[in-house]
């Protein structure tokens, strides 16, 4: 996988998580009975977002046509791709 492809996956996941964070923040005001759950989830999503933005910054320093395995290793790349897919599929904004 090329660095550019991986960067695109990271950007898509960041977009999904931003939507989820806003959604959870808004839902925290709906009712006092569930506000803590939505606030906690928004905080967790924000932490994931910060981690992904750091990864994105690092990937932006690399050549987009270079092999991502060269920098992350095979196992590291597989773990990152799996994590991105899980975060994207989690649909944290849908309840």
PDB file of N, CA and C in Angstrom:
ATOM      1  N   UNK A   1       0.846  -1.177   0.000  1.00  0.00           N
ATOM      2  CA  UNK A   1       0.000   0.000   0.000  1.00  0.00           C
ATOM      3  C   UNK A   1       0.892   1.241   0.000  1.00  0.00           C
ATOM      4  N   UNK A   2       0.514   2.203  -0.808  1.00  0.00           N
ATOM      5  CA  UNK A   2       1.261   3.447  -0.908  1.00  0.00           C
ATOM      6  C   UNK A   2       0.883   4.382   0.245  1.00  0.00           C
ATOM      7  N   UNK A   3       1.800   5.269   0.583  1.00  0.00           N
ATOM      8  CA  UNK A   3       1.565   6.238   1.652  1.00  0.00           C
ATOM      9  C   UNK A   3       0.351   7.106   1.324  1.00  0.00           C
ATOM     10  N   UNK A   4       0.203   7.493   0.060  1.00  0.00           N
ATOM     11  CA  UNK A   4      -0.936   8.319  -0.347  1.00  0.00           C
ATOM     12  C   UNK A   4      -2.271   7.636  -0.110  1.00  0.00           C
ATOM     13  N   UNK A   5      -2.340   6.333  -0.380  1.00  0.00           N
ATOM     14  CA  UNK A   5      -3.571   5.571  -0.147  1.00  0.00           C
ATOM     15  C   UNK A   5      -3.885   5.502   1.346  1.00  0.00           C
ATOM     16  N   UNK A   6      -2.844   5.282   2.131  1.00  0.00           N
ATOM     17  CA  UNK A   6      -3.017   5.213   3.579  1.00  0.00           C
ATOM     18  C   UNK A   6      -3.462   6.569   4.123  1.00  0.00           C
ATOM     19  N   UNK A   7      -2.884   7.626   3.608  1.00  0.00           N
ATOM     20  CA  UNK A   7      -3.255   8.977   4.021  1.00  0.00           C
ATOM     21  C   UNK A   7      -4.724   9.262   3.698  1.00  0.00           C
ATOM     22  N   UNK A   8      -5.183   8.771   2.569  1.00  0.00           N
ATOM     23  CA  UNK A   8      -6.589   8.936   2.189  1.00  0.00           C
ATOM     24  C   UNK A   8      -7.498   8.198   3.172  1.00  0.00           C
ATOM     25  N   UNK A   9      -7.105   6.993   3.575  1.00  0.00           N
ATOM     26  CA  UNK A   9      -7.885   6.234   4.559  1.00  0.00           C
ATOM     27  C   UNK A   9      -7.941   6.973   5.891  1.00  0.00           C
ATOM     28  N   UNK A  10      -6.802   7.529   6.300  1.00  0.00           N
ATOM     29  CA  UNK A  10      -6.747   8.275   7.558  1.00  0.00           C
ATOM     30  C   UNK A  10      -7.677   9.484   7.481  1.00  0.00           C
ATOM     31  N   UNK A  11      -7.637  10.209   6.369  1.00  0.00           N
ATOM     32  CA  UNK A  11      -8.500  11.385   6.202  1.00  0.00           C
ATOM     33  C   UNK A  11      -9.979  11.015   6.253  1.00  0.00           C
ATOM     34  N   UNK A  12     -10.354   9.914   5.619  1.00  0.00           N
ATOM     35  CA  UNK A  12     -11.752   9.466   5.642  1.00  0.00           C
ATOM     36  C   UNK A  12     -12.188   9.118   7.064  1.00  0.00           C
ATOM     37  N   UNK A  13     -11.306   8.447   7.796  1.00  0.00           N
ATOM     38  CA  UNK A  13     -11.631   8.063   9.168  1.00  0.00           C
ATOM     39  C   UNK A  13     -11.743   9.293  10.056  1.00  0.00           C
ATOM     40  N   UNK A  14     -10.849  10.263   9.866  1.00  0.00           N
ATOM     41  CA  UNK A  14     -10.918  11.507  10.636  1.00  0.00           C
ATOM     42  C   UNK A  14     -12.251  12.207  10.382  1.00  0.00           C
ATOM     43  N   UNK A  15     -12.680  12.248   9.141  1.00  0.00           N
ATOM     44  CA  UNK A  15     -13.962  12.883   8.810  1.00  0.00           C
ATOM     45  C   UNK A  15     -15.121  12.183   9.518  1.00  0.00           C
ATOM     46  N   UNK A  16     -15.118  10.856   9.493  1.00  0.00           N
ATOM     47  CA  UNK A  16     -16.174  10.092  10.170  1.00  0.00           C
ATOM     48  C   UNK A  16     -16.174  10.371  11.675  1.00  0.00           C
ATOM     49  N   UNK A  17     -14.990  10.415  12.269  1.00  0.00           N
ATOM     50  CA  UNK A  17     -14.908  10.634  13.709  1.00  0.00           C
ATOM     51  C   UNK A  17     -15.311  12.053  14.095  1.00  0.00           C
ATOM     52  N   UNK A  18     -15.021  13.020  13.250  1.00  0.00           N
ATOM     53  CA  UNK A  18     -15.457  14.395  13.544  1.00  0.00           C
ATOM     54  C   UNK A  18     -16.985  14.479  13.577  1.00  0.00           C
ATOM     55  N   UNK A  19     -17.623  13.817  12.636  1.00  0.00           N
ATOM     56  CA  UNK A  19     -19.089  13.776  12.626  1.00  0.00           C
ATOM     57  C   UNK A  19     -19.596  13.103  13.897  1.00  0.00           C
ATOM     58  N   UNK A  20     -18.974  12.005  14.263  1.00  0.00           N
ATOM     59  CA  UNK A  20     -19.385  11.272  15.459  1.00  0.00           C
ATOM     60  C   UNK A  20     -19.189  12.107  16.719  1.00  0.00           C
ATOM     61  N   UNK A  21     -18.093  12.847  16.799  1.00  0.00           N
ATOM     62  CA  UNK A  21     -17.826  13.672  17.977  1.00  0.00           C
ATOM     63  C   UNK A  21     -18.892  14.753  18.133  1.00  0.00           C
ATOM     64  N   UNK A  22     -19.206  15.430  17.047  1.00  0.00           N
ATOM     65  CA  UNK A  22     -20.230  16.479  17.095  1.00  0.00           C
ATOM     66  C   UNK A  22     -21.584  15.881  17.461  1.00  0.00           C
ATOM     67  N   UNK A  23     -21.913  14.761  16.873  1.00  0.00           N
ATOM     68  CA  UNK A  23     -23.185  14.104  17.149  1.00  0.00           C
ATOM     69  C   UNK A  23     -23.305  13.732  18.623  1.00  0.00           C
ATOM     70  N   UNK A  24     -22.247  13.163  19.176  1.00  0.00           N
ATOM     71  CA  UNK A  24     -22.281  12.770  20.586  1.00  0.00           C
ATOM     72  C   UNK A  24     -22.325  13.980  21.509  1.00  0.00           C
ATOM     73  N   UNK A  25     -21.640  15.049  21.143  1.00  0.00           N
ATOM     74  CA  UNK A  25     -21.691  16.268  21.956  1.00  0.00           C
ATOM     75  C   UNK A  25     -23.105  16.843  21.968  1.00  0.00           C
ATOM     76  N   UNK A  26     -23.758  16.838  20.824  1.00  0.00           N
ATOM     77  CA  UNK A  26     -25.131  17.347  20.755  1.00  0.00           C
ATOM     78  C   UNK A  26     -26.092  16.459  21.536  1.00  0.00           C
ATOM     79  N   UNK A  27     -25.905  15.169  21.438  1.00  0.00           N
ATOM     80  CA  UNK A  27     -26.815  14.239  22.123  1.00  0.00           C
ATOM     81  C   UNK A  27     -26.670  14.315  23.634  1.00  0.00           C
ATOM     82  N   UNK A  28     -25.526  14.802  24.105  1.00  0.00           N
ATOM     83  CA  UNK A  28     -25.333  14.891  25.555  1.00  0.00           C
ATOM     84  C   UNK A  28     -26.291  15.895  26.192  1.00  0.00           C
ATOM     85  N   UNK A  29     -26.886  16.783  25.387  1.00  0.00           N
ATOM     86  CA  UNK A  29     -27.823  17.771  25.916  1.00  0.00           C
ATOM     87  C   UNK A  29     -29.280  17.320  25.832  1.00  0.00           C
ATOM     88  N   UNK A  30     -29.532  16.160  25.266  1.00  0.00           N
ATOM     89  CA  UNK A  30     -30.907  15.702  25.071  1.00  0.00           C
ATOM     90  C   UNK A  30     -31.624  15.382  26.375  1.00  0.00           C
ATOM     91  N   UNK A  31     -30.966  14.650  27.227  1.00  0.00           N
ATOM     92  CA  UNK A  31     -31.592  14.234  28.474  1.00  0.00           C
ATOM     93  C   UNK A  31     -30.517  14.056  29.546  1.00  0.00           C
ATOM     94  N   UNK A  32     -30.834  14.392  30.770  1.00  0.00           N
ATOM     95  CA  UNK A  32     -29.829  14.236  31.831  1.00  0.00           C
ATOM     96  C   UNK A  32     -29.507  12.774  32.147  1.00  0.00           C
ATOM     97  N   UNK A  33     -30.372  11.868  31.720  1.00  0.00           N
ATOM     98  CA  UNK A  33     -30.174  10.462  32.029  1.00  0.00           C
ATOM     99  C   UNK A  33     -29.070   9.819  31.195  1.00  0.00           C
ATOM    100  N   UNK A  34     -28.859  10.327  30.005  1.00  0.00           N
ATOM    101  CA  UNK A  34     -27.839   9.740  29.127  1.00  0.00           C
ATOM    102  C   UNK A  34     -26.702  10.702  28.797  1.00  0.00           C
ATOM    103  N   UNK A  35     -26.740  11.902  29.354  1.00  0.00           N
ATOM    104  CA  UNK A  35     -25.740  12.905  28.987  1.00  0.00           C
ATOM    105  C   UNK A  35     -24.322  12.454  29.312  1.00  0.00           C
ATOM    106  N   UNK A  36     -24.140  11.783  30.431  1.00  0.00           N
ATOM    107  CA  UNK A  36     -22.798  11.336  30.813  1.00  0.00           C
ATOM    108  C   UNK A  36     -22.243  10.334  29.799  1.00  0.00           C
ATOM    109  N   UNK A  37     -23.077   9.432  29.332  1.00  0.00           N
ATOM    110  CA  UNK A  37     -22.631   8.432  28.356  1.00  0.00           C
ATOM    111  C   UNK A  37     -22.177   9.088  27.054  1.00  0.00           C
ATOM    112  N   UNK A  38     -22.967  10.032  26.570  1.00  0.00           N
ATOM    113  CA  UNK A  38     -22.614  10.700  25.314  1.00  0.00           C
ATOM    114  C   UNK A  38     -21.392  11.605  25.480  1.00  0.00           C
ATOM    115  N   UNK A  39     -21.288  12.251  26.639  1.00  0.00           N
ATOM    116  CA  UNK A  39     -20.115  13.091  26.898  1.00  0.00           C
ATOM    117  C   UNK A  39     -18.863  12.234  26.952  1.00  0.00           C
ATOM    118  N   UNK A  40     -18.938  11.103  27.629  1.00  0.00           N
ATOM    119  CA  UNK A  40     -17.790  10.198  27.722  1.00  0.00           C
ATOM    120  C   UNK A  40     -17.393   9.687  26.344  1.00  0.00           C
ATOM    121  N   UNK A  41     -18.371   9.328  25.556  1.00  0.00           N
ATOM    122  CA  UNK A  41     -18.090   8.831  24.201  1.00  0.00           C
ATOM    123  C   UNK A  41     -17.461   9.930  23.346  1.00  0.00           C
ATOM    124  N   UNK A  42     -17.926  11.161  23.484  1.00  0.00           N
ATOM    125  CA  UNK A  42     -17.343  12.278  22.731  1.00  0.00           C
ATOM    126  C   UNK A  42     -15.881  12.486  23.121  1.00  0.00           C
ATOM    127  N   UNK A  43     -15.567  12.326  24.389  1.00  0.00           N
ATOM    128  CA  UNK A  43     -14.180  12.461  24.856  1.00  0.00           C
ATOM    129  C   UNK A  43     -13.314  11.354  24.265  1.00  0.00           C
ATOM    130  N   UNK A  44     -13.822  10.129  24.260  1.00  0.00           N
ATOM    131  CA  UNK A  44     -13.070   9.007  23.680  1.00  0.00           C
ATOM    132  C   UNK A  44     -12.825   9.215  22.189  1.00  0.00           C
ATOM    133  N   UNK A  45     -13.831   9.696  21.494  1.00  0.00           N
ATOM    134  CA  UNK A  45     -13.692   9.958  20.059  1.00  0.00           C
ATOM    135  C   UNK A  45     -12.657  11.050  19.825  1.00  0.00           C
ATOM    136  N   UNK A  46     -12.679  12.077  20.676  1.00  0.00           N
ATOM    137  CA  UNK A  46     -11.714  13.169  20.548  1.00  0.00           C
ATOM    138  C   UNK A  46     -10.282  12.663  20.735  1.00  0.00           C
ATOM    139  N   UNK A  47     -10.088  11.736  21.662  1.00  0.00           N
ATOM    140  CA  UNK A  47      -8.759  11.145  21.865  1.00  0.00           C
ATOM    141  C   UNK A  47      -8.317  10.381  20.618  1.00  0.00           C
ATOM    142  N   UNK A  48      -9.222   9.615  20.037  1.00  0.00           N
ATOM    143  CA  UNK A  48      -8.909   8.898  18.794  1.00  0.00           C
ATOM    144  C   UNK A  48      -8.577   9.872  17.671  1.00  0.00           C
ATOM    145  N   UNK A  49      -9.313  10.966  17.613  1.00  0.00           N
ATOM    146  CA  UNK A  49      -9.064  11.983  16.592  1.00  0.00           C
ATOM    147  C   UNK A  49      -7.665  12.574  16.723  1.00  0.00           C
ATOM    148  N   UNK A  50      -7.278  12.892  17.949  1.00  0.00           N
ATOM    149  CA  UNK A  50      -5.934  13.454  18.163  1.00  0.00           C
ATOM    150  C   UNK A  50      -4.853  12.470  17.731  1.00  0.00           C
ATOM    151  N   UNK A  51      -5.040  11.201  18.033  1.00  0.00           N
ATOM    152  CA  UNK A  51      -4.065  10.185  17.611  1.00  0.00           C
ATOM    153  C   UNK A  51      -3.986  10.100  16.087  1.00  0.00           C
ATOM    154  N   UNK A  52      -5.137  10.117  15.438  1.00  0.00           N
ATOM    155  CA  UNK A  52      -5.162  10.034  13.975  1.00  0.00           C
ATOM    156  C   UNK A  52      -4.546  11.273  13.329  1.00  0.00           C
ATOM    157  N   UNK A  53      -4.728  12.422  13.940  1.00  0.00           N
ATOM    158  CA  UNK A  53      -4.135  13.639  13.386  1.00  0.00           C
ATOM    159  C   UNK A  53      -2.614  13.604  13.491  1.00  0.00           C
ATOM    160  N   UNK A  54      -2.097  12.986  14.553  1.00  0.00           N
ATOM    161  CA  UNK A  54      -0.638  12.820  14.674  1.00  0.00           C
ATOM    162  C   UNK A  54      -0.122  11.876  13.586  1.00  0.00           C
ATOM    163  N   UNK A  55      -0.854  10.805  13.356  1.00  0.00           N
ATOM    164  CA  UNK A  55      -0.479   9.860  12.294  1.00  0.00           C
ATOM    165  C   UNK A  55      -0.513  10.567  10.945  1.00  0.00           C
ATOM    166  N   UNK A  56      -1.538  11.359  10.739  1.00  0.00           N
ATOM    167  CA  UNK A  56      -1.681  12.105   9.480  1.00  0.00           C
ATOM    168  C   UNK A  56      -0.513  13.067   9.269  1.00  0.00           C
ATOM    169  N   UNK A  57      -0.122  13.771  10.330  1.00  0.00           N
ATOM    170  CA  UNK A  57       1.021  14.684  10.236  1.00  0.00           C
ATOM    171  C   UNK A  57       2.276  13.935   9.819  1.00  0.00           C
ATOM    172  N   UNK A  58       2.487  12.768  10.411  1.00  0.00           N
ATOM    173  CA  UNK A  58       3.666  11.965  10.071  1.00  0.00           C
ATOM    174  C   UNK A  58       3.606  11.507   8.615  1.00  0.00           C
ATOM    175  N   UNK A  59       2.457  11.038   8.186  1.00  0.00           N
ATOM    176  CA  UNK A  59       2.315  10.563   6.809  1.00  0.00           C
ATOM    177  C   UNK A  59       2.493  11.694   5.797  1.00  0.00           C
ATOM    178  N   UNK A  60       2.115  12.902   6.167  1.00  0.00           N
ATOM    179  CA  UNK A  60       2.277  14.046   5.266  1.00  0.00           C
ATOM    180  C   UNK A  60       3.739  14.380   5.008  1.00  0.00           C
ATOM    181  N   UNK A  61       4.626  13.954   5.900  1.00  0.00           N
ATOM    182  CA  UNK A  61       6.052  14.224   5.701  1.00  0.00           C
ATOM    183  C   UNK A  61       6.685  13.230   4.735  1.00  0.00           C
ATOM    184  N   UNK A  62       5.978  12.146   4.428  1.00  0.00           N
ATOM    185  CA  UNK A  62       6.515  11.095   3.567  1.00  0.00           C
ATOM    186  C   UNK A  62       6.081  11.298   2.122  1.00  0.00           C
ATOM    187  N   UNK A  63       6.805  10.667   1.217  1.00  0.00           N
ATOM    188  CA  UNK A  63       6.469  10.705  -0.209  1.00  0.00           C
ATOM    189  C   UNK A  63       5.215   9.856  -0.440  1.00  0.00           C
ATOM    190  N   UNK A  64       4.158  10.428  -1.041  1.00  0.00           N
ATOM    191  CA  UNK A  64       2.904   9.689  -1.240  1.00  0.00           C
ATOM    192  C   UNK A  64       3.040   8.457  -2.130  1.00  0.00           C
ATOM    193  N   UNK A  65       4.066   8.408  -2.950  1.00  0.00           N
ATOM    194  CA  UNK A  65       4.252   7.272  -3.856  1.00  0.00           C
ATOM    195  C   UNK A  65       5.103   6.166  -3.238  1.00  0.00           C
ATOM    196  N   UNK A  66       5.625   6.425  -2.048  1.00  0.00           N
ATOM    197  CA  UNK A  66       6.468   5.437  -1.388  1.00  0.00           C
ATOM    198  C   UNK A  66       5.607   4.355  -0.742  1.00  0.00           C
ATOM    199  N   UNK A  67       6.197   3.192  -0.544  1.00  0.00           N
ATOM    200  CA  UNK A  67       5.507   2.085   0.105  1.00  0.00           C
ATOM    201  C   UNK A  67       5.379   2.370   1.606  1.00  0.00           C
ATOM    202  N   UNK A  68       4.180   2.256   2.146  1.00  0.00           N
ATOM    203  CA  UNK A  68       3.950   2.519   3.566  1.00  0.00           C
ATOM    204  C   UNK A  68       4.634   1.467   4.439  1.00  0.00           C
ATOM    205  N   UNK A  69       4.756   0.250   3.923  1.00  0.00           N
ATOM    206  CA  UNK A  69       5.411  -0.827   4.676  1.00  0.00           C
ATOM    207  C   UNK A  69       6.850  -0.476   5.015  1.00  0.00           C
ATOM    208  N   UNK A  70       7.469   0.285   4.155  1.00  0.00           N
ATOM    209  CA  UNK A  70       8.864   0.675   4.350  1.00  0.00           C
ATOM    210  C   UNK A  70       9.036   1.472   5.646  1.00  0.00           C
ATOM    211  N   UNK A  71       8.031   2.255   5.999  1.00  0.00           N
ATOM    212  CA  UNK A  71       8.116   3.110   7.180  1.00  0.00           C
ATOM    213  C   UNK A  71       7.439   2.513   8.408  1.00  0.00           C
ATOM    214  N   UNK A  72       6.400   1.729   8.192  1.00  0.00           N
ATOM    215  CA  UNK A  72       5.627   1.199   9.313  1.00  0.00           C
ATOM    216  C   UNK A  72       5.879  -0.276   9.579  1.00  0.00           C
ATOM    217  N   UNK A  73       6.465  -0.962   8.639  1.00  0.00           N
ATOM    218  CA  UNK A  73       6.620  -2.405   8.759  1.00  0.00           C
ATOM    219  C   UNK A  73       5.317  -3.089   8.388  1.00  0.00           C
ATOM    220  N   UNK A  74       5.407  -4.345   8.045  1.00  0.00           N
ATOM    221  CA  UNK A  74       4.218  -5.088   7.615  1.00  0.00           C
ATOM    222  C   UNK A  74       3.185  -5.176   8.732  1.00  0.00           C
ATOM    223  N   UNK A  75       3.636  -5.541   9.915  1.00  0.00           N
ATOM    224  CA  UNK A  75       2.714  -5.711  11.039  1.00  0.00           C
ATOM    225  C   UNK A  75       2.106  -4.371  11.459  1.00  0.00           C
ATOM    226  N   UNK A  76       2.924  -3.329  11.498  1.00  0.00           N
ATOM    227  CA  UNK A  76       2.424  -2.004  11.866  1.00  0.00           C
ATOM    228  C   UNK A  76       1.389  -1.488  10.889  1.00  0.00           C
ATOM    229  N   UNK A  77       1.634  -1.712   9.607  1.00  0.00           N
ATOM    230  CA  UNK A  77       0.688  -1.283   8.576  1.00  0.00           C
ATOM    231  C   UNK A  77      -0.626  -2.044   8.697  1.00  0.00           C
ATOM    232  N   UNK A  78      -0.545  -3.350   8.908  1.00  0.00           N
ATOM    233  CA  UNK A  78      -1.760  -4.162   9.051  1.00  0.00           C
ATOM    234  C   UNK A  78      -2.587  -3.707  10.249  1.00  0.00           C
ATOM    235  N   UNK A  79      -1.921  -3.437  11.371  1.00  0.00           N
ATOM    236  CA  UNK A  79      -2.632  -2.982  12.571  1.00  0.00           C
ATOM    237  C   UNK A  79      -3.295  -1.629  12.341  1.00  0.00           C
ATOM    238  N   UNK A  80      -2.574  -0.721  11.675  1.00  0.00           N
ATOM    239  CA  UNK A  80      -3.126   0.606  11.411  1.00  0.00           C
ATOM    240  C   UNK A  80      -4.337   0.525  10.490  1.00  0.00           C
ATOM    241  N   UNK A  81      -4.238  -0.252   9.429  1.00  0.00           N
ATOM    242  CA  UNK A  81      -5.354  -0.394   8.490  1.00  0.00           C
ATOM    243  C   UNK A  81      -6.557  -1.021   9.194  1.00  0.00           C
ATOM    244  N   UNK A  82      -6.313  -2.027  10.019  1.00  0.00           N
ATOM    245  CA  UNK A  82      -7.402  -2.680  10.750  1.00  0.00           C
ATOM    246  C   UNK A  82      -8.074  -1.689  11.706  1.00  0.00           C
ATOM    247  N   UNK A  83      -7.258  -0.887  12.411  1.00  0.00           N
ATOM    248  CA  UNK A  83      -7.802   0.103  13.332  1.00  0.00           C
ATOM    249  C   UNK A  83      -8.642   1.144  12.582  1.00  0.00           C
ATOM    250  N   UNK A  84      -8.144   1.598  11.427  1.00  0.00           N
ATOM    251  CA  UNK A  84      -8.880   2.584  10.634  1.00  0.00           C
ATOM    252  C   UNK A  84     -10.223   2.024  10.173  1.00  0.00           C
ATOM    253  N   UNK A  85     -10.216   0.772   9.736  1.00  0.00           N
ATOM    254  CA  UNK A  85     -11.461   0.141   9.290  1.00  0.00           C
ATOM    255  C   UNK A  85     -12.454  -0.006  10.443  1.00  0.00           C
ATOM    256  N   UNK A  86     -11.955  -0.387  11.616  1.00  0.00           N
ATOM    257  CA  UNK A  86     -12.838  -0.533  12.776  1.00  0.00           C
ATOM    258  C   UNK A  86     -13.430   0.805  13.199  1.00  0.00           C
ATOM    259  N   UNK A  87     -12.600   1.836  13.224  1.00  0.00           N
ATOM    260  CA  UNK A  87     -13.096   3.155  13.611  1.00  0.00           C
ATOM    261  C   UNK A  87     -14.119   3.674  12.607  1.00  0.00           C
ATOM    262  N   UNK A  88     -13.863   3.425  11.342  1.00  0.00           N
ATOM    263  CA  UNK A  88     -14.774   3.908  10.305  1.00  0.00           C
ATOM    264  C   UNK A  88     -16.107   3.157  10.360  1.00  0.00           C
ATOM    265  N   UNK A  89     -16.040   1.858  10.631  1.00  0.00           N
ATOM    266  CA  UNK A  89     -17.254   1.030  10.657  1.00  0.00           C
ATOM    267  C   UNK A  89     -18.047   1.179  11.949  1.00  0.00           C
ATOM    268  N   UNK A  90     -17.432   1.726  12.984  1.00  0.00           N
ATOM    269  CA  UNK A  90     -18.101   1.793  14.283  1.00  0.00           C
ATOM    270  C   UNK A  90     -19.340   2.679  14.260  1.00  0.00           C
ATOM    271  N   UNK A  91     -19.384   3.633  13.330  1.00  0.00           N
ATOM    272  CA  UNK A  91     -20.533   4.535  13.198  1.00  0.00           C
ATOM    273  C   UNK A  91     -20.976   5.044  14.562  1.00  0.00           C
ATOM    274  N   UNK A  92     -20.036   5.659  15.259  1.00  0.00           N
ATOM    275  CA  UNK A  92     -20.292   6.124  16.620  1.00  0.00           C
ATOM    276  C   UNK A  92     -21.366   7.199  16.696  1.00  0.00           C
ATOM    277  N   UNK A  93     -21.714   7.797  15.578  1.00  0.00           N
ATOM    278  CA  UNK A  93     -22.741   8.839  15.574  1.00  0.00           C
ATOM    279  C   UNK A  93     -24.150   8.279  15.394  1.00  0.00           C
ATOM    280  N   UNK A  94     -24.261   6.975  15.149  1.00  0.00           N
ATOM    281  CA  UNK A  94     -25.572   6.354  14.937  1.00  0.00           C
ATOM    282  C   UNK A  94     -25.950   5.584  16.201  1.00  0.00           C
ATOM    283  N   UNK A  95     -27.066   5.951  16.798  1.00  0.00           N
ATOM    284  CA  UNK A  95     -27.545   5.231  17.985  1.00  0.00           C
ATOM    285  C   UNK A  95     -29.002   4.906  17.826  1.00  0.00           C
TER     286      UNK A  95
END
